[in-house]
Structure formats: structure tokens, C-alpha cells
Amino acid sequence: MRFIDEAKIEVRAGNGGNGSGSFRREKHVPRGGPDGGDGGRGGSIYAIADININTLVDYRFAKTHRAKSGEAGRGAQCNGAGAKDVELRMPVGTVIYDQATGEVLCDLNADGQIALLARGGKGGLGNINFKTSTNRAPRQTTPGEPGEERDLRLELRVLADVGLLGLPNAGKSTFIRSVSSARPKVADYPFTTLHPHLGVVRVDTARSFVVADIPGLIEGASEGAGLGHQFLRHLARTRLLLHIVDVSPPDPEANPLADARAIILELKKYGSGLHEKPRWLVLNKVDMITTDARIRIRKNLLSGLRWKSPVFEISAMTGEGCRELAYAIMGHLELSNDRATILEQD
């Protein structure tokens, strides 16, 4: 199944049915009076978050979604039947925008969450509603109200606790394979990851967190270089970013410090608060360099970036340092949860 994280759709709710202008016609009942029923309600359109769906591919080609209109009222005080509502199931993490105004209509961030996208029109009133002591034969009716119509933009943002940042081939996919059961593609060429992957990291029986691996960034991503910024939105919900730096790049002319600065610059250009999120530095592939080179590169990175956040040295291929990093992440997430709970209580 293709991973699609953007789609544009049209939703058209049903119109309400018209009220009936009927009069009672029955043998031996002169002047039977009005008996026109009301029109039925038009169908509404709802979005429902479904944890079993992980892509918007269903909405890439099915762009128009309509609900049926309500039935018109009939004589003998029969009201028209209301139309069935339409339910659109979407992945958890979908943000729905009104294309015309750019307004966020809803953020489906919990399984089973329901949001109204377009309300069906109310049914019209039959003439029986206008009967009075002075107007015994009313011919007034009202038409059904039109249903709402909207052009929407759907944007999927995956739900994860931790996000991975880095250049292509920095070892992000290898790291997520090392610490979780996720199996993203790993190869010795750039951009093997073409869409986000999620992995659940279990540090013990009752403690776990979710990691999101997105395609690598390169310098100039904000101008569309590489895969651009199109997948950075998937890090918007994360609570911690791991900036993975390859300390043994295949290109001998590569500079880990310059590469790290390029990623930080792209985060600033993207905005959306990503640059302000807690970010740890992870030096990967330390098994491929000498101890002296490891110390020198670490020192250059910390001084060149003026880094004050935690730093970890790992080898995603051999697993060196990965377990310790996973436990540190779990501790950080639990501590942030405790702080959030205290703030809510205050």
C-alpha cells in the first residue's frame, strides 16, 4: 500500500426534504384540514479516526463524498425519511483544513474520535405546522435547507514520541531496526527511506515509546532539494528529536560538523516549533573509527554547535550504545509526563 499523507476532497452534505402542502381527503369528512408532513433531514458527513488505517490513499482518488438528501413530506401527516450519514474513516493523526479559509476544522489525534465535516440540511415544514384558529386551511410550507458544502485538505501527521533527524545514510533506519521490530529498507545509497516509518521500542514489559523515522534531509531542503521538507510535519507531535550524525561518512571530504549545521538550519527554516523541541545529538557508526578520532569529532561537534543537550555515541549496526540510549529516552519521556501531570494539577 502506498503511503499518502496529503489529499484534497470535497464533502457535500444532503439537502433537507421539502415540507408537504397536503389536505385530508376522506369520505364523509368535509373540510378535513391540513395534513402535510415535514421533510426529512439531509445526511451529514463525519470523519472518524481509525487506528487500523495508516495512510490517506483512499482519498487520493475518491475526491468527492456526498450524502443523500432527505425525503419530502407526504400527506396523512407522514414525515419524510432522513438520509443516512456518511462516515469517512481516516488515520489517527489526520489534520483537516478548510481549503477556502485555511482554518483547522479538526485534529483527529485519538482512535475513535468523531468530527462533523458537513452538516445535513434540516427538513422543511409541512402545512400542518401553520394551522391556527384563524387559518384553518394553510397552504404555507417551507423548503428543506441546503446541506453544507466544503472543500477540505487532509494532512496526516504520524503520532510518535521520538523523531529521528539526519542526512540520508546517517543510519536512522538502521537505528530503528536495531531498537524495534520495524523493518524499514536499509541500503548503501541515499534516500532508501521514502516515507515515514514507526517503530515501538520496548525497554521492558510495561514501558515503551514510539519512534518515527522520516526520509533524510539535505542542505537546501527548504528550496526543494532532495525530498524537501514534505515529511517534517510528521515530527510536529514528537516530544524529543534525535539528531543522528554519521561520524564515518563514505565521502572522505564530508564534514560532520557542517552536515549537522545544515540540518539545524533546515529546521529553523521550516519553523512550526521544531527547532525549539528538545533535541539530543547521537553520534552513529563509532565502531568504524578509532578512539582518538571519536574523541576529536565529538569535541569538534560540541564546540562548533555550542551543544548543551545530551550526547550519545552508538553503533546502530552492532547495537553498541543503543540500549543505553533507549533507557535514557524512556526516562526523559516519563519525566516529561510527570511534569505535565504536576502542571495540570496546579
Protein backbone atom coordinates (compact mmCIF):
# COMPACT_ATOMS: atom_id res chain seq x y z
CA MET A 1 0.00 0.00 0.00
CA ARG A 2 1.31 3.44 -0.93
CA PHE A 3 1.96 5.91 1.86
CA ILE A 4 -0.07 9.04 1.10
CA ASP A 5 -0.03 11.82 3.70
CA GLU A 6 -1.88 14.59 1.82
CA ALA A 7 -5.19 14.69 -0.03
CA LYS A 8 -7.83 17.18 -1.11
CA ILE A 9 -11.51 16.23 -1.04
CA GLU A 10 -14.96 17.74 -1.45
CA VAL A 11 -17.73 16.96 1.02
CA ARG A 12 -21.38 17.68 0.15
CA ALA A 13 -24.00 17.06 2.82
CA GLY A 14 -27.54 16.20 1.79
CA ASN A 15 -30.33 18.75 1.47
CA GLY A 16 -33.36 18.61 3.70
CA GLY A 17 -36.61 17.36 2.17
CA ASN A 18 -39.39 19.82 1.38
CA GLY A 19 -42.48 20.10 3.58
CA SER A 20 -45.77 18.86 2.14
CA GLY A 21 -48.80 21.07 1.45
CA SER A 22 -51.44 18.33 1.68
CA PHE A 23 -55.06 18.33 2.91
CA ARG A 24 -57.00 15.48 4.39
CA ARG A 25 -59.30 13.92 1.82
CA GLU A 26 -61.58 11.27 3.31
CA LYS A 27 -65.16 10.20 2.64
CA HIS A 28 -67.73 11.79 4.95
CA VAL A 29 -65.06 14.10 6.45
CA PRO A 30 -65.67 17.55 4.99
CA ARG A 31 -63.02 20.18 5.48
CA GLY A 32 -60.53 17.61 6.75
CA GLY A 33 -57.88 20.25 7.22
CA PRO A 34 -54.13 20.25 6.56
CA ASP A 35 -52.14 17.05 7.00
CA GLY A 36 -48.86 17.74 5.18
CA GLY A 37 -45.82 16.18 6.89
CA ASP A 38 -42.34 17.60 7.35
CA GLY A 39 -39.37 16.84 5.12
CA GLY A 40 -36.61 14.53 6.28
CA ARG A 41 -33.14 15.68 7.40
CA GLY A 42 -30.32 15.51 4.87
CA GLY A 43 -27.38 13.24 5.58
CA SER A 44 -24.33 14.71 7.32
CA ILE A 45 -20.70 13.78 6.71
CA TYR A 46 -18.41 12.80 9.60
CA ALA A 47 -14.72 11.95 9.89
CA ILE A 48 -13.79 9.10 12.24
CA ALA A 49 -10.22 8.37 13.39
CA ASP A 50 -9.35 4.70 12.88
CA ILE A 51 -6.14 3.26 14.33
CA ASN A 52 -6.21 0.47 11.74
CA ILE A 53 -5.63 2.92 8.87
CA ASN A 54 -2.20 4.47 8.34
CA THR A 55 -2.43 6.28 5.01
CA LEU A 56 -4.74 8.67 3.13
CA VAL A 57 -4.51 6.67 -0.08
CA ASP A 58 -8.30 6.12 -0.10
CA TYR A 59 -8.81 9.86 -0.54
CA ARG A 60 -6.20 10.45 -3.22
CA PHE A 61 -8.57 9.25 -5.94
CA ALA A 62 -12.03 9.33 -4.28
CA LYS A 63 -12.21 13.12 -4.09
CA THR A 64 -15.97 13.78 -3.83
CA HIS A 65 -18.09 12.49 -0.97
CA ARG A 66 -21.83 13.18 -0.96
CA ALA A 67 -24.62 12.35 1.43
CA LYS A 68 -28.17 11.78 0.21
CA SER A 69 -30.94 14.31 0.66
CA GLY A 70 -33.89 13.76 2.96
CA GLU A 71 -37.25 12.68 1.56
CA ALA A 72 -40.06 15.17 1.08
CA GLY A 73 -43.02 15.11 3.45
CA ARG A 74 -46.28 13.45 2.42
CA GLY A 75 -49.95 13.64 3.25
CA ALA A 76 -51.60 11.94 6.21
CA GLN A 77 -49.02 13.67 8.43
CA CYS A 78 -46.25 11.44 7.11
CA ASN A 79 -42.81 12.93 7.60
CA GLY A 80 -40.11 12.22 5.04
CA ALA A 81 -37.34 9.81 5.98
CA GLY A 82 -33.99 11.26 6.97
CA ALA A 83 -30.94 10.30 4.92
CA LYS A 84 -28.12 8.20 6.33
CA ASP A 85 -24.97 9.95 7.46
CA VAL A 86 -21.70 9.29 5.65
CA GLU A 87 -18.69 8.25 7.75
CA LEU A 88 -15.19 8.80 6.39
CA ARG A 89 -12.58 6.74 8.23
CA MET A 90 -9.15 8.37 8.41
CA PRO A 91 -5.80 7.59 10.09
CA VAL A 92 -5.23 8.77 13.64
CA GLY A 93 -3.17 11.96 13.36
CA THR A 94 -5.07 13.44 10.41
CA VAL A 95 -5.50 17.23 10.48
CA ILE A 96 -8.41 18.56 8.42
CA TYR A 97 -8.25 22.08 6.95
CA ASP A 98 -10.86 24.20 5.21
CA GLN A 99 -9.24 24.99 1.85
CA ALA A 100 -11.02 28.31 1.46
CA THR A 101 -10.00 29.81 4.82
CA GLY A 102 -7.05 27.66 5.92
CA GLU A 103 -8.84 27.08 9.23
CA VAL A 104 -8.16 23.84 11.10
CA LEU A 105 -11.54 22.15 11.38
CA CYS A 106 -10.40 19.22 13.48
CA ASP A 107 -7.36 17.24 14.58
CA LEU A 108 -8.05 13.51 14.78
CA ASN A 109 -5.48 12.61 17.44
CA ALA A 110 -7.30 9.76 19.22
CA ASP A 111 -8.72 6.46 17.99
CA GLY A 112 -12.50 6.66 17.58
CA GLN A 113 -12.61 10.48 17.62
CA ILE A 114 -15.52 11.82 15.54
CA ALA A 115 -15.66 15.22 13.80
CA LEU A 116 -18.50 16.79 11.83
CA LEU A 117 -17.30 17.89 8.37
CA ALA A 118 -20.57 18.96 6.72
CA ARG A 119 -23.99 19.20 8.37
CA GLY A 120 -27.06 17.97 6.52
CA GLY A 121 -29.88 20.42 5.87
CA LYS A 122 -32.97 20.47 8.08
CA GLY A 123 -36.23 19.24 6.61
CA GLY A 124 -38.88 21.75 5.60
CA LEU A 125 -42.18 22.19 7.49
CA GLY A 126 -45.45 20.79 6.18
CA ASN A 127 -48.60 22.92 6.17
CA ILE A 128 -49.94 21.22 9.31
CA ASN A 129 -47.44 23.34 11.28
CA PHE A 130 -49.15 26.56 10.14
CA LYS A 131 -52.69 25.64 11.21
CA THR A 132 -54.27 28.16 13.60
CA SER A 133 -57.75 29.05 14.77
CA THR A 134 -57.93 31.77 12.13
CA ASN A 135 -56.01 29.96 9.40
CA ARG A 136 -57.63 26.58 9.16
CA ALA A 137 -56.55 25.80 5.62
CA PRO A 138 -52.93 26.97 5.44
CA ARG A 139 -51.10 26.48 2.21
CA GLN A 140 -47.73 27.58 3.56
CA THR A 141 -44.86 25.13 3.53
CA THR A 142 -41.11 25.61 3.81
CA PRO A 143 -38.45 24.05 1.62
CA GLY A 144 -35.67 21.93 3.07
CA GLU A 145 -32.45 23.69 3.98
CA PRO A 146 -29.42 23.04 1.76
CA GLY A 147 -26.65 20.86 3.17
CA GLU A 148 -23.22 22.28 3.85
CA GLU A 149 -20.53 22.02 1.19
CA ARG A 150 -16.80 22.25 1.86
CA ASP A 151 -13.51 21.78 0.07
CA LEU A 152 -11.09 20.19 2.52
CA ARG A 153 -7.38 19.48 2.70
CA LEU A 154 -6.27 16.41 4.67
CA GLU A 155 -2.81 16.28 6.18
CA LEU A 156 -1.51 13.24 8.05
CA ARG A 157 0.94 13.72 10.92
CA VAL A 158 2.05 10.46 12.44
CA LEU A 159 1.85 10.08 16.22
CA ALA A 160 5.22 9.32 17.80
CA ASP A 161 7.14 10.15 20.97
CA VAL A 162 10.56 10.45 19.34
CA GLY A 163 11.59 11.64 15.88
CA LEU A 164 14.82 10.89 14.01
CA LEU A 165 16.68 13.63 12.12
CA GLY A 166 19.73 13.37 9.93
CA LEU A 167 21.22 13.30 6.48
CA PRO A 168 20.48 10.41 4.11
CA ASN A 169 22.52 7.34 5.10
CA ALA A 170 23.19 8.68 8.61
CA GLY A 171 21.88 5.40 9.99
CA LYS A 172 18.37 6.36 11.08
CA SER A 173 16.70 3.31 9.54
CA THR A 174 19.40 1.01 10.91
CA PHE A 175 18.87 2.51 14.36
CA ILE A 176 15.11 1.96 14.29
CA ARG A 177 15.68 -1.64 13.13
CA SER A 178 18.13 -2.13 15.99
CA VAL A 179 15.83 -0.95 18.79
CA SER A 180 12.39 -2.01 17.49
CA SER A 181 10.59 -4.57 15.34
CA ALA A 182 10.13 -2.11 12.47
CA ARG A 183 11.89 -3.12 9.28
CA PRO A 184 12.46 -0.06 7.07
CA LYS A 185 14.60 -0.52 3.98
CA VAL A 186 18.35 -0.25 4.56
CA ALA A 187 20.87 0.09 1.71
CA ASP A 188 24.20 1.72 0.92
CA TYR A 189 22.75 4.56 -1.18
CA PRO A 190 20.90 7.78 -0.23
CA PHE A 191 17.14 8.13 0.22
CA THR A 192 16.37 4.48 0.86
CA THR A 193 13.63 5.78 3.19
CA LEU A 194 10.92 7.35 1.04
CA HIS A 195 8.16 7.69 3.62
CA PRO A 196 7.92 7.71 7.43
CA HIS A 197 8.26 4.51 9.44
CA LEU A 198 7.11 3.94 13.00
CA GLY A 199 8.73 1.56 15.47
CA VAL A 200 7.70 0.64 19.01
CA VAL A 201 10.69 0.43 21.37
CA ARG A 202 10.06 -1.72 24.46
CA VAL A 203 12.59 -1.12 27.21
CA ASP A 204 10.82 -3.65 29.43
CA THR A 205 7.41 -5.30 29.79
CA ALA A 206 5.35 -2.24 30.70
CA ARG A 207 7.50 0.61 29.32
CA SER A 208 7.67 1.55 25.65
CA PHE A 209 7.72 4.51 23.29
CA VAL A 210 7.19 5.10 19.57
CA VAL A 211 9.96 6.30 17.22
CA ALA A 212 9.32 7.95 13.84
CA ASP A 213 11.91 7.65 11.06
CA ILE A 214 11.48 10.14 8.21
CA PRO A 215 13.41 10.49 4.93
CA GLY A 216 16.75 12.23 5.34
CA LEU A 217 17.19 15.96 4.95
CA ILE A 218 19.90 17.61 2.91
CA GLU A 219 21.09 21.19 2.67
CA GLY A 220 18.63 23.19 0.58
CA ALA A 221 15.62 21.06 1.55
CA SER A 222 13.61 24.23 2.13
CA GLU A 223 14.11 25.03 -1.58
CA GLY A 224 13.00 21.53 -2.58
CA ALA A 225 16.39 19.77 -2.71
CA GLY A 226 16.19 16.03 -2.11
CA LEU A 227 12.74 15.20 -0.80
CA GLY A 228 12.38 18.71 0.59
CA HIS A 229 10.51 19.46 3.79
CA GLN A 230 7.42 17.46 2.91
CA PHE A 231 7.89 14.89 5.69
CA LEU A 232 9.00 17.19 8.52
CA ARG A 233 5.36 17.65 9.56
CA HIS A 234 5.47 14.11 10.91
CA LEU A 235 7.81 15.29 13.66
CA ALA A 236 5.42 18.02 14.84
CA ARG A 237 3.80 15.82 17.51
CA THR A 238 7.01 14.29 18.85
CA ARG A 239 8.33 15.23 22.29
CA LEU A 240 12.01 14.56 21.58
CA LEU A 241 14.19 14.72 18.46
CA LEU A 242 17.31 12.61 17.96
CA HIS A 243 19.78 14.31 15.63
CA ILE A 244 21.81 11.42 14.22
CA VAL A 245 25.22 12.33 12.80
CA ASP A 246 27.36 9.94 10.75
CA VAL A 247 30.89 10.19 12.16
CA SER A 248 32.27 7.91 9.44
CA PRO A 249 30.65 9.11 6.18
CA PRO A 250 31.58 7.27 2.96
CA ASP A 251 32.70 10.56 1.38
CA PRO A 252 36.19 11.39 2.72
CA GLU A 253 35.56 15.10 2.03
CA ALA A 254 32.42 15.14 4.21
CA ASN A 255 32.44 17.26 7.36
CA PRO A 256 30.19 16.00 10.22
CA LEU A 257 30.10 19.49 11.78
CA ALA A 258 28.98 21.15 8.54
CA ASP A 259 26.40 18.40 7.99
CA ALA A 260 24.97 18.87 11.48
CA ARG A 261 24.77 22.64 10.99
CA ALA A 262 22.92 22.14 7.69
CA ILE A 263 20.23 20.06 9.40
CA ILE A 264 19.81 22.62 12.19
CA LEU A 265 19.48 25.41 9.59
CA GLU A 266 16.77 23.48 7.73
CA LEU A 267 14.84 23.05 11.00
CA LYS A 268 14.94 26.80 11.57
CA LYS A 269 13.73 27.48 8.03
CA TYR A 270 10.85 25.03 8.40
CA GLY A 271 9.52 26.64 11.57
CA SER A 272 6.42 25.14 13.27
CA GLY A 273 8.35 24.98 16.56
CA LEU A 274 10.55 22.03 15.56
CA HIS A 275 13.77 23.91 16.31
CA GLU A 276 12.58 24.60 19.88
CA LYS A 277 11.82 20.95 20.66
CA PRO A 278 14.23 19.04 22.94
CA ARG A 279 16.96 17.63 20.70
CA TRP A 280 19.72 15.15 21.52
CA LEU A 281 22.87 14.56 19.50
CA VAL A 282 23.56 10.93 18.55
CA LEU A 283 26.94 10.09 17.01
CA ASN A 284 26.47 6.97 14.90
CA LYS A 285 28.94 4.46 13.38
CA VAL A 286 31.51 4.97 16.16
CA ASP A 287 32.62 1.35 15.64
CA MET A 288 34.15 2.37 12.31
CA ILE A 289 36.63 4.94 13.69
CA THR A 290 39.40 4.88 16.24
CA THR A 291 39.00 6.07 19.81
CA ASP A 292 41.16 9.12 19.13
CA ALA A 293 39.06 10.07 16.08
CA ARG A 294 35.89 9.57 18.11
CA ILE A 295 37.11 11.96 20.80
CA ARG A 296 38.26 14.53 18.25
CA ILE A 297 34.99 14.51 16.28
CA ARG A 298 32.89 14.70 19.44
CA LYS A 299 34.91 17.67 20.68
CA ASN A 300 34.61 19.48 17.34
CA LEU A 301 30.84 18.92 17.20
CA LEU A 302 30.18 20.08 20.75
CA SER A 303 32.30 23.21 20.41
CA GLY A 304 31.21 24.04 16.85
CA LEU A 305 27.50 23.64 17.62
CA ARG A 306 27.78 25.02 21.17
CA TRP A 307 25.83 21.92 22.16
CA LYS A 308 24.44 21.77 25.71
CA SER A 309 21.92 18.95 25.35
CA PRO A 310 22.75 15.25 25.95
CA VAL A 311 25.14 13.49 23.55
CA PHE A 312 25.28 9.74 22.88
CA GLU A 313 27.68 7.57 20.93
CA ILE A 314 26.23 4.47 19.26
CA SER A 315 26.70 1.96 16.51
CA ALA A 316 23.27 1.18 15.07
CA MET A 317 24.75 -1.73 13.11
CA THR A 318 26.31 -3.55 16.08
CA GLY A 319 23.90 -2.26 18.73
CA GLU A 320 26.63 -0.58 20.78
CA GLY A 321 25.13 2.13 22.99
CA CYS A 322 21.59 1.65 21.61
CA ARG A 323 20.17 0.05 24.75
CA GLU A 324 21.56 2.80 26.96
CA LEU A 325 20.08 5.43 24.62
CA ALA A 326 16.66 3.72 24.69
CA TYR A 327 16.62 3.74 28.52
CA ALA A 328 17.65 7.42 28.58
CA ILE A 329 14.83 8.30 26.17
CA MET A 330 12.31 6.37 28.27
CA GLY A 331 13.44 8.21 31.40
CA HIS A 332 13.14 11.59 29.66
CA LEU A 333 9.62 10.83 28.42
CA GLU A 334 8.48 9.61 31.83
CA LEU A 335 9.91 12.71 33.49
CA SER A 336 8.14 14.98 31.00
CA ASN A 337 4.88 13.11 31.69
CA ASP A 338 5.33 13.66 35.44
CA ARG A 339 5.96 17.37 34.91
CA ALA A 340 2.87 17.67 32.72
CA THR A 341 0.77 15.96 35.39
CA ILE A 342 2.03 18.35 38.08
CA LEU A 343 1.24 21.38 35.89
CA GLU A 344 -2.29 20.10 35.26
CA GLN A 345 -2.85 19.61 39.00
CA ASP A 346 -1.59 23.12 39.76
